[in-house]
Amino acid sequence: MAVTNDELREEFSEFGLQILNEVGDLKDKLDQQHHVWKRAENVAKHFDVSLGTVKSWKRRGLITGYKHDKIVIYDVLVIERDLFQVEN
């Protein structure tokens, strides 16, 4: 069975679209798993609020701190998403 160049081009074009879609899906998945960790002082600077405000958010359960060695760090992207409803 002979295959024409046009048939091959069409088949490769379909494969190319599938690959591009899968790469896009993978990029979206990786972007969702991305974290930006900062200490409380830097979280305050990032959001242009006082350190007391960051501590208040934590006390009220609005944000979660994670202990890394002896330092508490916060995921800025999660704070943006949950507290300020910013899409990342």
N, C-alpha and C. Protein backbone atom coordinates (compact mmCIF):
# COMPACT_ATOMS: atom_id res chain seq x y z
N MET A 1 0.84 -1.18 0.00
CA MET A 1 0.00 0.00 0.00
C MET A 1 0.89 1.25 0.00
N ALA A 2 0.65 2.11 -0.91
CA ALA A 2 1.44 3.32 -1.05
C ALA A 2 0.80 4.45 -0.24
N VAL A 3 1.65 5.27 0.32
CA VAL A 3 1.20 6.41 1.09
C VAL A 3 1.70 7.67 0.40
N THR A 4 0.79 8.62 0.25
CA THR A 4 1.19 9.86 -0.43
C THR A 4 1.82 10.83 0.57
N ASN A 5 2.52 11.79 0.03
CA ASN A 5 3.13 12.82 0.87
C ASN A 5 2.06 13.60 1.64
N ASP A 6 0.93 13.87 1.02
CA ASP A 6 -0.14 14.60 1.69
C ASP A 6 -0.67 13.82 2.88
N GLU A 7 -0.81 12.51 2.72
CA GLU A 7 -1.28 11.68 3.83
C GLU A 7 -0.28 11.68 4.99
N LEU A 8 1.01 11.61 4.64
CA LEU A 8 2.05 11.66 5.67
C LEU A 8 2.05 13.00 6.39
N ARG A 9 1.94 14.09 5.63
CA ARG A 9 1.90 15.42 6.23
C ARG A 9 0.72 15.56 7.19
N GLU A 10 -0.44 15.06 6.77
CA GLU A 10 -1.63 15.15 7.62
C GLU A 10 -1.43 14.33 8.91
N GLU A 11 -0.86 13.14 8.78
CA GLU A 11 -0.62 12.29 9.95
C GLU A 11 0.38 12.96 10.90
N PHE A 12 1.46 13.49 10.37
CA PHE A 12 2.46 14.17 11.21
C PHE A 12 1.88 15.44 11.85
N SER A 13 1.01 16.13 11.13
CA SER A 13 0.37 17.32 11.68
C SER A 13 -0.49 16.96 12.88
N GLU A 14 -1.23 15.85 12.77
CA GLU A 14 -2.05 15.40 13.90
C GLU A 14 -1.18 15.02 15.10
N PHE A 15 -0.07 14.33 14.83
CA PHE A 15 0.85 13.98 15.93
C PHE A 15 1.42 15.23 16.58
N GLY A 16 1.76 16.21 15.76
CA GLY A 16 2.31 17.45 16.29
C GLY A 16 1.32 18.16 17.21
N LEU A 17 0.05 18.20 16.81
CA LEU A 17 -0.98 18.82 17.65
C LEU A 17 -1.16 18.06 18.96
N GLN A 18 -1.13 16.72 18.88
CA GLN A 18 -1.26 15.92 20.10
C GLN A 18 -0.10 16.20 21.05
N ILE A 19 1.10 16.26 20.50
CA ILE A 19 2.29 16.51 21.33
C ILE A 19 2.20 17.90 21.96
N LEU A 20 1.82 18.91 21.19
CA LEU A 20 1.69 20.26 21.73
C LEU A 20 0.65 20.31 22.84
N ASN A 21 -0.47 19.64 22.67
CA ASN A 21 -1.50 19.61 23.71
C ASN A 21 -0.99 18.93 24.97
N GLU A 22 -0.28 17.82 24.81
CA GLU A 22 0.25 17.11 25.98
C GLU A 22 1.32 17.92 26.69
N VAL A 23 2.15 18.63 25.95
CA VAL A 23 3.17 19.49 26.56
C VAL A 23 2.49 20.62 27.33
N GLY A 24 1.44 21.20 26.76
CA GLY A 24 0.70 22.26 27.44
C GLY A 24 0.07 21.76 28.73
N ASP A 25 -0.52 20.55 28.68
CA ASP A 25 -1.13 19.97 29.89
C ASP A 25 -0.07 19.73 30.96
N LEU A 26 1.09 19.23 30.54
CA LEU A 26 2.17 18.98 31.50
C LEU A 26 2.68 20.27 32.11
N LYS A 27 2.80 21.31 31.29
CA LYS A 27 3.25 22.61 31.80
C LYS A 27 2.25 23.15 32.83
N ASP A 28 0.95 23.04 32.53
CA ASP A 28 -0.07 23.48 33.48
C ASP A 28 0.04 22.72 34.79
N LYS A 29 0.26 21.42 34.70
CA LYS A 29 0.37 20.60 35.90
C LYS A 29 1.59 21.00 36.73
N LEU A 30 2.70 21.24 36.07
CA LEU A 30 3.92 21.66 36.78
C LEU A 30 3.75 23.04 37.40
N ASP A 31 3.08 23.94 36.69
CA ASP A 31 2.84 25.28 37.23
C ASP A 31 1.99 25.22 38.49
N GLN A 32 1.05 24.29 38.54
CA GLN A 32 0.19 24.16 39.71
C GLN A 32 0.98 23.66 40.91
N GLN A 33 2.07 22.94 40.68
CA GLN A 33 2.84 22.39 41.77
C GLN A 33 3.95 23.33 42.23
N HIS A 34 4.07 24.48 41.60
CA HIS A 34 5.12 25.44 41.90
C HIS A 34 4.85 26.14 43.24
N HIS A 35 5.88 26.33 44.01
CA HIS A 35 5.76 27.00 45.30
C HIS A 35 6.79 28.12 45.39
N VAL A 36 6.44 29.18 46.10
CA VAL A 36 7.39 30.25 46.42
C VAL A 36 7.38 30.39 47.93
N TRP A 37 8.44 29.90 48.56
CA TRP A 37 8.52 29.88 50.02
C TRP A 37 9.22 31.13 50.52
N LYS A 38 8.62 31.76 51.54
CA LYS A 38 9.23 32.96 52.14
C LYS A 38 9.00 32.94 53.65
N ARG A 39 9.92 33.58 54.35
CA ARG A 39 9.75 33.77 55.79
C ARG A 39 8.73 34.88 56.02
N ALA A 40 8.21 34.94 57.24
CA ALA A 40 7.13 35.89 57.56
C ALA A 40 7.50 37.33 57.19
N GLU A 41 8.74 37.72 57.48
CA GLU A 41 9.17 39.10 57.17
C GLU A 41 9.06 39.38 55.67
N ASN A 42 9.46 38.41 54.87
CA ASN A 42 9.43 38.59 53.43
C ASN A 42 8.02 38.49 52.86
N VAL A 43 7.16 37.70 53.53
CA VAL A 43 5.75 37.65 53.15
C VAL A 43 5.14 39.03 53.36
N ALA A 44 5.46 39.66 54.50
CA ALA A 44 4.95 41.00 54.79
C ALA A 44 5.40 41.99 53.72
N LYS A 45 6.67 41.94 53.34
CA LYS A 45 7.17 42.83 52.29
C LYS A 45 6.47 42.55 50.96
N HIS A 46 6.30 41.27 50.64
CA HIS A 46 5.68 40.88 49.37
C HIS A 46 4.28 41.46 49.23
N PHE A 47 3.50 41.40 50.31
CA PHE A 47 2.13 41.89 50.26
C PHE A 47 1.99 43.32 50.77
N ASP A 48 3.11 43.94 51.09
CA ASP A 48 3.12 45.33 51.57
C ASP A 48 2.21 45.51 52.79
N VAL A 49 2.40 44.59 53.76
CA VAL A 49 1.68 44.67 55.03
C VAL A 49 2.71 44.56 56.15
N SER A 50 2.25 44.75 57.38
CA SER A 50 3.18 44.66 58.51
C SER A 50 3.39 43.19 58.90
N LEU A 51 4.46 42.94 59.63
CA LEU A 51 4.73 41.61 60.15
C LEU A 51 3.60 41.18 61.08
N GLY A 52 3.06 42.14 61.84
CA GLY A 52 1.94 41.85 62.73
C GLY A 52 0.71 41.34 61.97
N THR A 53 0.50 41.87 60.77
CA THR A 53 -0.62 41.41 59.94
C THR A 53 -0.43 39.96 59.52
N VAL A 54 0.79 39.62 59.13
CA VAL A 54 1.09 38.24 58.74
C VAL A 54 0.86 37.30 59.93
N LYS A 55 1.33 37.70 61.10
CA LYS A 55 1.14 36.88 62.29
C LYS A 55 -0.34 36.77 62.64
N SER A 56 -1.10 37.84 62.43
CA SER A 56 -2.54 37.82 62.68
C SER A 56 -3.23 36.84 61.72
N TRP A 57 -2.84 36.86 60.45
CA TRP A 57 -3.40 35.92 59.48
C TRP A 57 -3.16 34.48 59.94
N LYS A 58 -1.94 34.24 60.45
CA LYS A 58 -1.61 32.89 60.90
C LYS A 58 -2.45 32.50 62.12
N ARG A 59 -2.55 33.40 63.10
CA ARG A 59 -3.34 33.12 64.32
C ARG A 59 -4.80 32.83 63.97
N ARG A 60 -5.33 33.56 63.01
CA ARG A 60 -6.74 33.39 62.63
C ARG A 60 -6.94 32.20 61.69
N GLY A 61 -5.86 31.54 61.32
CA GLY A 61 -5.96 30.35 60.46
C GLY A 61 -6.15 30.67 58.99
N LEU A 62 -5.87 31.91 58.59
CA LEU A 62 -6.03 32.29 57.19
C LEU A 62 -4.87 31.80 56.33
N ILE A 63 -3.70 31.67 56.94
CA ILE A 63 -2.53 31.15 56.23
C ILE A 63 -1.88 30.07 57.09
N THR A 64 -1.11 29.22 56.45
CA THR A 64 -0.45 28.12 57.15
C THR A 64 1.05 28.25 57.01
N GLY A 65 1.74 28.18 58.12
CA GLY A 65 3.20 28.19 58.11
C GLY A 65 3.71 26.76 58.16
N TYR A 66 4.82 26.51 57.50
CA TYR A 66 5.44 25.19 57.49
C TYR A 66 6.83 25.30 58.09
N LYS A 67 7.14 24.42 59.00
CA LYS A 67 8.42 24.46 59.67
C LYS A 67 9.47 23.78 58.80
N HIS A 68 10.52 24.50 58.51
CA HIS A 68 11.65 23.97 57.74
C HIS A 68 12.89 24.18 58.60
N ASP A 69 13.47 23.10 59.08
CA ASP A 69 14.51 23.15 60.10
C ASP A 69 13.93 23.89 61.31
N LYS A 70 14.45 25.05 61.66
CA LYS A 70 13.91 25.81 62.79
C LYS A 70 13.21 27.09 62.32
N ILE A 71 12.98 27.19 61.03
CA ILE A 71 12.40 28.40 60.45
C ILE A 71 11.00 28.08 59.93
N VAL A 72 10.06 28.98 60.19
CA VAL A 72 8.71 28.84 59.64
C VAL A 72 8.66 29.59 58.32
N ILE A 73 8.19 28.89 57.28
CA ILE A 73 8.09 29.49 55.95
C ILE A 73 6.65 29.39 55.47
N TYR A 74 6.32 30.26 54.52
CA TYR A 74 4.97 30.35 53.98
C TYR A 74 5.03 30.26 52.46
N ASP A 75 4.04 29.64 51.86
CA ASP A 75 3.95 29.56 50.40
C ASP A 75 3.17 30.77 49.90
N VAL A 76 3.88 31.69 49.28
CA VAL A 76 3.28 32.95 48.82
C VAL A 76 2.20 32.71 47.77
N LEU A 77 2.42 31.74 46.89
CA LEU A 77 1.43 31.48 45.85
C LEU A 77 0.12 30.96 46.45
N VAL A 78 0.21 30.15 47.48
CA VAL A 78 -1.00 29.66 48.15
C VAL A 78 -1.72 30.81 48.84
N ILE A 79 -0.96 31.70 49.46
CA ILE A 79 -1.57 32.87 50.12
C ILE A 79 -2.28 33.73 49.08
N GLU A 80 -1.63 33.96 47.94
CA GLU A 80 -2.26 34.76 46.88
C GLU A 80 -3.55 34.10 46.40
N ARG A 81 -3.49 32.79 46.22
CA ARG A 81 -4.67 32.07 45.71
C ARG A 81 -5.79 32.04 46.74
N ASP A 82 -5.47 31.69 47.98
CA ASP A 82 -6.50 31.49 49.00
C ASP A 82 -6.98 32.78 49.65
N LEU A 83 -6.07 33.67 49.96
CA LEU A 83 -6.42 34.88 50.68
C LEU A 83 -6.88 36.01 49.77
N PHE A 84 -6.24 36.10 48.61
CA PHE A 84 -6.55 37.21 47.72
C PHE A 84 -7.23 36.77 46.42
N GLN A 85 -7.50 35.48 46.26
CA GLN A 85 -8.14 34.91 45.07
C GLN A 85 -7.44 35.34 43.78
N VAL A 86 -6.12 35.31 43.79
CA VAL A 86 -5.34 35.63 42.60
C VAL A 86 -5.03 34.32 41.89
N GLU A 87 -5.35 34.24 40.59
CA GLU A 87 -5.06 33.05 39.80
C GLU A 87 -3.59 33.07 39.40
N ASN A 88 -2.91 31.94 39.62
CA ASN A 88 -1.50 31.83 39.25
C ASN A 88 -1.35 31.12 37.95
